[in-house]
Amino acid sequence: MKNRFTFVRAVLLSASLMLLSVNILSAQGKYHPLYHQRASLFEELPIKNSDIVFLGNSITHFGEWHELFDNKNIKNRGISGDIAQGVYDRLEPILSGKPAKIFLMIGINDVSHDVSADSIVRAITKIADKIAMDSPCTKLHIQSVLPVNPSFGLFLKATTRGEEVLKINAGLQELCTKRGLTYIDAYSALKEETGEFLKPEYTNDGLHLLGKGYIKWAEVLKGYLD
């Protein structure tokens, strides 16, 4: 029975990792089918000017934001595996609705693809510029990339590059200062008190969040939603 349980657990873990670590870029440089599936759905779901959009990758995708904040105007536009360019390429259906606010978190998958911190910040700057041009009344909140933790032995192309995350966040702070945008430091709230790793109680793979991690993140964001 124990061996059977171990086998089933291994199969489920393997399937989960296949989903969560989906590489949004194929060998030909095209986006993964999951990206197109999700993005095509978002094209059919209109955004209104009273909406608050949560935009990002799997970490955003898996958050039940409207329930966390008890706010029906919150729309989740996260796509698992997304990268900064992927977010840029699907902005039009969001910005056409002139949403009240956008909460953006993106970059960790770019890190796993060996993109430099400077390049990631430039890509996010391009996103910010397009939002400002196409929907100038939308208030953009740029969130820090969250800390990571390599001790789980998973997603090591991302979780072993915490130094790059720090560089990205420094660059995003500078960007927000220059452009008069709101920077939200979620990183500090979720990291260990005596180090830079994501707190183990907030994750079970070193990258994605458990329920307590989402609750802590929501605490950071609450004041920006009011």
C-alpha atoms as a PDB file:
ATOM      1  CA  MET A   1       0.000   0.000   0.000  1.00  0.00           C
ATOM      2  CA  LYS A   2       2.843   2.373   0.876  1.00  0.00           C
ATOM      3  CA  ASN A   3       4.569   1.703  -2.448  1.00  0.00           C
ATOM      4  CA  ARG A   4       1.306   2.319  -4.301  1.00  0.00           C
ATOM      5  CA  PHE A   5       0.817   5.603  -2.465  1.00  0.00           C
ATOM      6  CA  THR A   6       4.388   6.646  -3.275  1.00  0.00           C
ATOM      7  CA  PHE A   7       3.847   5.829  -6.956  1.00  0.00           C
ATOM      8  CA  VAL A   8       0.562   7.756  -7.155  1.00  0.00           C
ATOM      9  CA  ARG A   9       2.116  10.712  -5.364  1.00  0.00           C
ATOM     10  CA  ALA A  10       5.040  10.724  -7.799  1.00  0.00           C
ATOM     11  CA  VAL A  11       2.674  10.642 -10.785  1.00  0.00           C
ATOM     12  CA  LEU A  12       0.585  13.497  -9.417  1.00  0.00           C
ATOM     13  CA  LEU A  13       3.682  15.547  -8.625  1.00  0.00           C
ATOM     14  CA  SER A  14       5.033  14.973 -12.117  1.00  0.00           C
ATOM     15  CA  ALA A  15       1.734  16.086 -13.652  1.00  0.00           C
ATOM     16  CA  SER A  16       1.626  19.153 -11.455  1.00  0.00           C
ATOM     17  CA  LEU A  17       5.145  20.157 -12.378  1.00  0.00           C
ATOM     18  CA  MET A  18       4.336  19.768 -16.046  1.00  0.00           C
ATOM     19  CA  LEU A  19       1.464  22.220 -15.613  1.00  0.00           C
ATOM     20  CA  LEU A  20       3.200  24.722 -13.390  1.00  0.00           C
ATOM     21  CA  SER A  21       6.486  24.794 -15.243  1.00  0.00           C
ATOM     22  CA  VAL A  22       4.897  25.025 -18.688  1.00  0.00           C
ATOM     23  CA  ASN A  23       7.339  26.804 -20.937  1.00  0.00           C
ATOM     24  CA  ILE A  24       5.410  29.547 -22.659  1.00  0.00           C
ATOM     25  CA  LEU A  25       7.899  29.612 -25.538  1.00  0.00           C
ATOM     26  CA  SER A  26       8.145  26.740 -27.950  1.00  0.00           C
ATOM     27  CA  ALA A  27      11.312  25.870 -29.835  1.00  0.00           C
ATOM     28  CA  GLN A  28      10.015  28.027 -32.687  1.00  0.00           C
ATOM     29  CA  GLY A  29       9.580  31.059 -30.426  1.00  0.00           C
ATOM     30  CA  LYS A  30       5.770  30.812 -30.449  1.00  0.00           C
ATOM     31  CA  TYR A  31       3.700  30.944 -27.297  1.00  0.00           C
ATOM     32  CA  HIS A  32       2.554  27.725 -25.689  1.00  0.00           C
ATOM     33  CA  PRO A  33      -1.043  26.552 -26.393  1.00  0.00           C
ATOM     34  CA  LEU A  34      -2.011  27.362 -22.777  1.00  0.00           C
ATOM     35  CA  TYR A  35      -1.151  31.006 -23.419  1.00  0.00           C
ATOM     36  CA  HIS A  36      -3.416  31.142 -26.469  1.00  0.00           C
ATOM     37  CA  GLN A  37      -6.200  29.254 -24.687  1.00  0.00           C
ATOM     38  CA  ARG A  38      -6.251  31.704 -21.810  1.00  0.00           C
ATOM     39  CA  ALA A  39      -5.610  34.813 -23.885  1.00  0.00           C
ATOM     40  CA  SER A  40      -8.410  33.910 -26.309  1.00  0.00           C
ATOM     41  CA  LEU A  41     -10.821  33.573 -23.385  1.00  0.00           C
ATOM     42  CA  PHE A  42      -9.793  36.981 -22.056  1.00  0.00           C
ATOM     43  CA  GLU A  43     -10.514  38.472 -25.479  1.00  0.00           C
ATOM     44  CA  GLU A  44     -14.135  37.353 -25.055  1.00  0.00           C
ATOM     45  CA  LEU A  45     -14.509  38.723 -21.511  1.00  0.00           C
ATOM     46  CA  PRO A  46     -14.882  42.504 -21.554  1.00  0.00           C
ATOM     47  CA  ILE A  47     -13.099  44.780 -19.110  1.00  0.00           C
ATOM     48  CA  LYS A  48     -15.017  47.763 -17.690  1.00  0.00           C
ATOM     49  CA  ASN A  49     -13.686  51.074 -16.411  1.00  0.00           C
ATOM     50  CA  SER A  50     -14.644  50.076 -12.860  1.00  0.00           C
ATOM     51  CA  ASP A  51     -12.540  46.912 -12.995  1.00  0.00           C
ATOM     52  CA  ILE A  52      -9.323  46.116 -11.159  1.00  0.00           C
ATOM     53  CA  VAL A  53      -7.104  43.816 -13.210  1.00  0.00           C
ATOM     54  CA  PHE A  54      -4.555  41.420 -11.734  1.00  0.00           C
ATOM     55  CA  LEU A  55      -2.040  40.739 -14.489  1.00  0.00           C
ATOM     56  CA  GLY A  56       0.840  38.279 -14.455  1.00  0.00           C
ATOM     57  CA  ASN A  57       1.947  34.660 -14.623  1.00  0.00           C
ATOM     58  CA  SER A  58       1.007  31.500 -12.668  1.00  0.00           C
ATOM     59  CA  ILE A  59       1.456  33.183  -9.293  1.00  0.00           C
ATOM     60  CA  THR A  60      -1.294  35.608 -10.271  1.00  0.00           C
ATOM     61  CA  HIS A  61      -3.228  32.984 -12.245  1.00  0.00           C
ATOM     62  CA  PHE A  62      -3.763  30.775  -9.191  1.00  0.00           C
ATOM     63  CA  GLY A  63      -4.952  33.571  -6.888  1.00  0.00           C
ATOM     64  CA  GLU A  64      -8.694  33.802  -6.187  1.00  0.00           C
ATOM     65  CA  TRP A  65      -8.487  37.568  -6.066  1.00  0.00           C
ATOM     66  CA  HIS A  66     -12.138  38.496  -6.098  1.00  0.00           C
ATOM     67  CA  GLU A  67     -12.687  36.184  -3.117  1.00  0.00           C
ATOM     68  CA  LEU A  68      -9.585  37.336  -1.265  1.00  0.00           C
ATOM     69  CA  PHE A  69     -10.840  40.921  -1.426  1.00  0.00           C
ATOM     70  CA  ASP A  70     -14.581  40.246  -1.686  1.00  0.00           C
ATOM     71  CA  ASN A  71     -14.678  42.476  -4.739  1.00  0.00           C
ATOM     72  CA  LYS A  72     -16.624  41.478  -7.856  1.00  0.00           C
ATOM     73  CA  ASN A  73     -14.822  44.117  -9.929  1.00  0.00           C
ATOM     74  CA  ILE A  74     -11.500  42.297  -9.695  1.00  0.00           C
ATOM     75  CA  LYS A  75     -10.578  40.424 -12.880  1.00  0.00           C
ATOM     76  CA  ASN A  76      -7.809  37.822 -12.963  1.00  0.00           C
ATOM     77  CA  ARG A  77      -5.695  38.031 -16.103  1.00  0.00           C
ATOM     78  CA  GLY A  78      -2.847  35.771 -15.046  1.00  0.00           C
ATOM     79  CA  ILE A  79      -1.509  33.089 -17.379  1.00  0.00           C
ATOM     80  CA  SER A  80       0.667  30.289 -16.068  1.00  0.00           C
ATOM     81  CA  GLY A  81       4.146  30.455 -17.576  1.00  0.00           C
ATOM     82  CA  ASP A  82       3.760  33.977 -18.918  1.00  0.00           C
ATOM     83  CA  ILE A  83       6.693  36.289 -19.551  1.00  0.00           C
ATOM     84  CA  ALA A  84       6.931  40.065 -19.850  1.00  0.00           C
ATOM     85  CA  GLN A  85       6.621  40.049 -23.643  1.00  0.00           C
ATOM     86  CA  GLY A  86       3.633  37.740 -23.372  1.00  0.00           C
ATOM     87  CA  VAL A  87       1.894  40.233 -21.100  1.00  0.00           C
ATOM     88  CA  TYR A  88       2.661  43.051 -23.531  1.00  0.00           C
ATOM     89  CA  ASP A  89       1.256  41.089 -26.454  1.00  0.00           C
ATOM     90  CA  ARG A  90      -2.123  40.591 -24.758  1.00  0.00           C
ATOM     91  CA  LEU A  91      -2.681  44.071 -23.360  1.00  0.00           C
ATOM     92  CA  GLU A  92      -5.132  45.280 -25.999  1.00  0.00           C
ATOM     93  CA  PRO A  93      -8.305  43.530 -24.711  1.00  0.00           C
ATOM     94  CA  ILE A  94      -7.495  44.789 -21.222  1.00  0.00           C
ATOM     95  CA  LEU A  95      -6.697  48.388 -22.109  1.00  0.00           C
ATOM     96  CA  SER A  96      -9.645  48.765 -24.480  1.00  0.00           C
ATOM     97  CA  GLY A  97     -11.873  48.618 -21.408  1.00  0.00           C
ATOM     98  CA  LYS A  98      -9.941  51.398 -19.612  1.00  0.00           C
ATOM     99  CA  PRO A  99      -9.769  49.597 -16.242  1.00  0.00           C
ATOM    100  CA  ALA A 100      -9.522  51.623 -13.048  1.00  0.00           C
ATOM    101  CA  LYS A 101      -6.386  49.834 -11.831  1.00  0.00           C
ATOM    102  CA  ILE A 102      -3.894  47.217 -12.959  1.00  0.00           C
ATOM    103  CA  PHE A 103      -1.784  45.218 -10.518  1.00  0.00           C
ATOM    104  CA  LEU A 104       1.147  43.810 -12.485  1.00  0.00           C
ATOM    105  CA  MET A 105       3.600  41.152 -11.367  1.00  0.00           C
ATOM    106  CA  ILE A 106       5.818  39.577 -14.004  1.00  0.00           C
ATOM    107  CA  GLY A 107       9.430  38.531 -14.509  1.00  0.00           C
ATOM    108  CA  ILE A 108      10.243  35.281 -12.726  1.00  0.00           C
ATOM    109  CA  ASN A 109       9.697  33.145 -15.837  1.00  0.00           C
ATOM    110  CA  ASP A 110      11.968  35.496 -17.772  1.00  0.00           C
ATOM    111  CA  VAL A 111      14.588  34.817 -15.082  1.00  0.00           C
ATOM    112  CA  SER A 112      14.195  31.067 -15.672  1.00  0.00           C
ATOM    113  CA  HIS A 113      14.839  31.695 -19.378  1.00  0.00           C
ATOM    114  CA  ASP A 114      18.181  33.357 -18.521  1.00  0.00           C
ATOM    115  CA  VAL A 115      16.978  36.856 -19.409  1.00  0.00           C
ATOM    116  CA  SER A 116      19.011  39.526 -17.616  1.00  0.00           C
ATOM    117  CA  ALA A 117      17.483  41.738 -14.936  1.00  0.00           C
ATOM    118  CA  ASP A 118      18.078  44.854 -17.071  1.00  0.00           C
ATOM    119  CA  SER A 119      16.261  43.296 -20.019  1.00  0.00           C
ATOM    120  CA  ILE A 120      13.332  42.282 -17.821  1.00  0.00           C
ATOM    121  CA  VAL A 121      13.008  45.791 -16.414  1.00  0.00           C
ATOM    122  CA  ARG A 122      13.100  47.206 -19.956  1.00  0.00           C
ATOM    123  CA  ALA A 123      10.317  44.807 -20.991  1.00  0.00           C
ATOM    124  CA  ILE A 124       8.201  45.875 -18.007  1.00  0.00           C
ATOM    125  CA  THR A 125       8.908  49.503 -18.867  1.00  0.00           C
ATOM    126  CA  LYS A 126       7.467  48.821 -22.313  1.00  0.00           C
ATOM    127  CA  ILE A 127       4.322  47.443 -20.660  1.00  0.00           C
ATOM    128  CA  ALA A 128       4.050  50.550 -18.472  1.00  0.00           C
ATOM    129  CA  ASP A 129       4.469  52.822 -21.494  1.00  0.00           C
ATOM    130  CA  LYS A 130       1.717  51.067 -23.437  1.00  0.00           C
ATOM    131  CA  ILE A 131      -0.677  51.275 -20.496  1.00  0.00           C
ATOM    132  CA  ALA A 132       0.064  54.991 -20.114  1.00  0.00           C
ATOM    133  CA  MET A 133      -0.506  55.608 -23.823  1.00  0.00           C
ATOM    134  CA  ASP A 134      -3.584  53.441 -24.428  1.00  0.00           C
ATOM    135  CA  SER A 135      -5.362  53.882 -21.096  1.00  0.00           C
ATOM    136  CA  PRO A 136      -3.949  56.987 -19.369  1.00  0.00           C
ATOM    137  CA  CYS A 137      -6.590  57.029 -16.624  1.00  0.00           C
ATOM    138  CA  THR A 138      -5.669  53.507 -15.492  1.00  0.00           C
ATOM    139  CA  LYS A 139      -3.623  53.483 -12.278  1.00  0.00           C
ATOM    140  CA  LEU A 140      -0.752  51.039 -12.704  1.00  0.00           C
ATOM    141  CA  HIS A 141       0.652  49.292  -9.651  1.00  0.00           C
ATOM    142  CA  ILE A 142       3.925  47.473 -10.339  1.00  0.00           C
ATOM    143  CA  GLN A 143       4.572  44.741  -7.809  1.00  0.00           C
ATOM    144  CA  SER A 144       7.971  43.383  -6.896  1.00  0.00           C
ATOM    145  CA  VAL A 145       8.886  39.910  -8.071  1.00  0.00           C
ATOM    146  CA  LEU A 146       8.420  37.588  -5.110  1.00  0.00           C
ATOM    147  CA  PRO A 147      11.308  35.871  -3.325  1.00  0.00           C
ATOM    148  CA  VAL A 148      12.172  32.293  -4.247  1.00  0.00           C
ATOM    149  CA  ASN A 149      13.509  29.325  -2.283  1.00  0.00           C
ATOM    150  CA  PRO A 150      15.763  26.620  -3.809  1.00  0.00           C
ATOM    151  CA  SER A 151      15.605  24.293  -0.794  1.00  0.00           C
ATOM    152  CA  PHE A 152      12.680  22.351  -2.290  1.00  0.00           C
ATOM    153  CA  GLY A 153      14.805  21.293  -5.262  1.00  0.00           C
ATOM    154  CA  LEU A 154      12.186  22.390  -7.803  1.00  0.00           C
ATOM    155  CA  PHE A 155      12.135  25.083 -10.532  1.00  0.00           C
ATOM    156  CA  LEU A 156      15.860  25.524  -9.975  1.00  0.00           C
ATOM    157  CA  LYS A 157      16.352  27.699 -13.079  1.00  0.00           C
ATOM    158  CA  ALA A 158      14.317  30.308 -11.209  1.00  0.00           C
ATOM    159  CA  THR A 159      14.703  29.502  -7.526  1.00  0.00           C
ATOM    160  CA  THR A 160      18.508  29.555  -7.562  1.00  0.00           C
ATOM    161  CA  ARG A 161      18.639  33.066  -9.025  1.00  0.00           C
ATOM    162  CA  GLY A 162      17.477  35.150  -6.116  1.00  0.00           C
ATOM    163  CA  GLU A 163      20.164  37.743  -6.856  1.00  0.00           C
ATOM    164  CA  GLU A 164      18.510  38.469 -10.203  1.00  0.00           C
ATOM    165  CA  VAL A 165      15.178  38.945  -8.443  1.00  0.00           C
ATOM    166  CA  LEU A 166      16.762  41.575  -6.200  1.00  0.00           C
ATOM    167  CA  LYS A 167      18.203  43.359  -9.249  1.00  0.00           C
ATOM    168  CA  ILE A 168      14.825  43.328 -10.989  1.00  0.00           C
ATOM    169  CA  ASN A 169      13.091  44.766  -7.949  1.00  0.00           C
ATOM    170  CA  ALA A 170      15.677  47.518  -7.618  1.00  0.00           C
ATOM    171  CA  GLY A 171      15.133  48.351 -11.280  1.00  0.00           C
ATOM    172  CA  LEU A 172      11.355  48.371 -10.853  1.00  0.00           C
ATOM    173  CA  GLN A 173      11.608  50.732  -7.890  1.00  0.00           C
ATOM    174  CA  GLU A 174      13.697  53.091  -9.986  1.00  0.00           C
ATOM    175  CA  LEU A 175      11.231  52.834 -12.870  1.00  0.00           C
ATOM    176  CA  CYS A 176       8.296  53.698 -10.621  1.00  0.00           C
ATOM    177  CA  THR A 177      10.139  56.637  -9.102  1.00  0.00           C
ATOM    178  CA  LYS A 178      10.987  58.046 -12.538  1.00  0.00           C
ATOM    179  CA  ARG A 179       7.510  57.535 -13.984  1.00  0.00           C
ATOM    180  CA  GLY A 180       5.463  58.428 -10.908  1.00  0.00           C
ATOM    181  CA  LEU A 181       4.031  54.912 -10.693  1.00  0.00           C
ATOM    182  CA  THR A 182       3.114  52.944  -7.592  1.00  0.00           C
ATOM    183  CA  TYR A 183       5.663  50.306  -6.573  1.00  0.00           C
ATOM    184  CA  ILE A 184       4.434  47.592  -4.200  1.00  0.00           C
ATOM    185  CA  ASP A 185       7.049  45.689  -2.203  1.00  0.00           C
ATOM    186  CA  ALA A 186       5.469  42.271  -1.752  1.00  0.00           C
ATOM    187  CA  TYR A 187       8.956  40.717  -1.685  1.00  0.00           C
ATOM    188  CA  SER A 188       9.796  41.919   1.830  1.00  0.00           C
ATOM    189  CA  ALA A 189       6.548  40.630   3.305  1.00  0.00           C
ATOM    190  CA  LEU A 190       7.043  37.086   2.021  1.00  0.00           C
ATOM    191  CA  LYS A 191      10.754  36.579   2.593  1.00  0.00           C
ATOM    192  CA  GLU A 192      12.432  35.126   5.649  1.00  0.00           C
ATOM    193  CA  GLU A 193      13.186  37.607   8.426  1.00  0.00           C
ATOM    194  CA  THR A 194      16.883  36.738   8.463  1.00  0.00           C
ATOM    195  CA  GLY A 195      17.446  36.004   4.785  1.00  0.00           C
ATOM    196  CA  GLU A 196      16.227  36.499   1.242  1.00  0.00           C
ATOM    197  CA  PHE A 197      14.426  33.191   0.664  1.00  0.00           C
ATOM    198  CA  LEU A 198      10.666  32.822   0.319  1.00  0.00           C
ATOM    199  CA  LYS A 199       9.363  31.648   3.692  1.00  0.00           C
ATOM    200  CA  PRO A 200       8.894  27.835   3.635  1.00  0.00           C
ATOM    201  CA  GLU A 201       5.451  28.141   5.225  1.00  0.00           C
ATOM    202  CA  TYR A 202       4.273  30.114   2.184  1.00  0.00           C
ATOM    203  CA  THR A 203       5.295  27.579  -0.480  1.00  0.00           C
ATOM    204  CA  ASN A 204       5.691  23.874  -1.193  1.00  0.00           C
ATOM    205  CA  ASP A 205       7.880  24.164  -4.294  1.00  0.00           C
ATOM    206  CA  GLY A 206       9.993  27.277  -3.696  1.00  0.00           C
ATOM    207  CA  LEU A 207       8.206  29.359  -6.330  1.00  0.00           C
ATOM    208  CA  HIS A 208       4.416  29.139  -6.104  1.00  0.00           C
ATOM    209  CA  LEU A 209       2.358  30.089  -3.076  1.00  0.00           C
ATOM    210  CA  LEU A 210       0.299  28.148  -0.594  1.00  0.00           C
ATOM    211  CA  GLY A 211      -2.866  29.628   0.881  1.00  0.00           C
ATOM    212  CA  LYS A 212      -1.036  31.396   3.692  1.00  0.00           C
ATOM    213  CA  GLY A 213       1.234  33.029   1.133  1.00  0.00           C
ATOM    214  CA  TYR A 214      -1.738  34.442  -0.747  1.00  0.00           C
ATOM    215  CA  ILE A 215      -3.256  35.726   2.481  1.00  0.00           C
ATOM    216  CA  LYS A 216      -0.004  37.497   3.348  1.00  0.00           C
ATOM    217  CA  TRP A 217       0.263  38.933  -0.152  1.00  0.00           C
ATOM    218  CA  ALA A 218      -3.338  40.144   0.053  1.00  0.00           C
ATOM    219  CA  GLU A 219      -2.529  41.937   3.306  1.00  0.00           C
ATOM    220  CA  VAL A 220       0.166  43.899   1.466  1.00  0.00           C
ATOM    221  CA  LEU A 221      -2.212  44.813  -1.362  1.00  0.00           C
ATOM    222  CA  LYS A 222      -5.280  45.716   0.655  1.00  0.00           C
ATOM    223  CA  GLY A 223      -4.407  49.357   1.178  1.00  0.00           C
ATOM    224  CA  TYR A 224      -3.839  49.847  -2.548  1.00  0.00           C
ATOM    225  CA  LEU A 225      -7.306  48.485  -3.396  1.00  0.00           C
ATOM    226  CA  ASP A 226      -9.268  50.768  -1.073  1.00  0.00           C
END
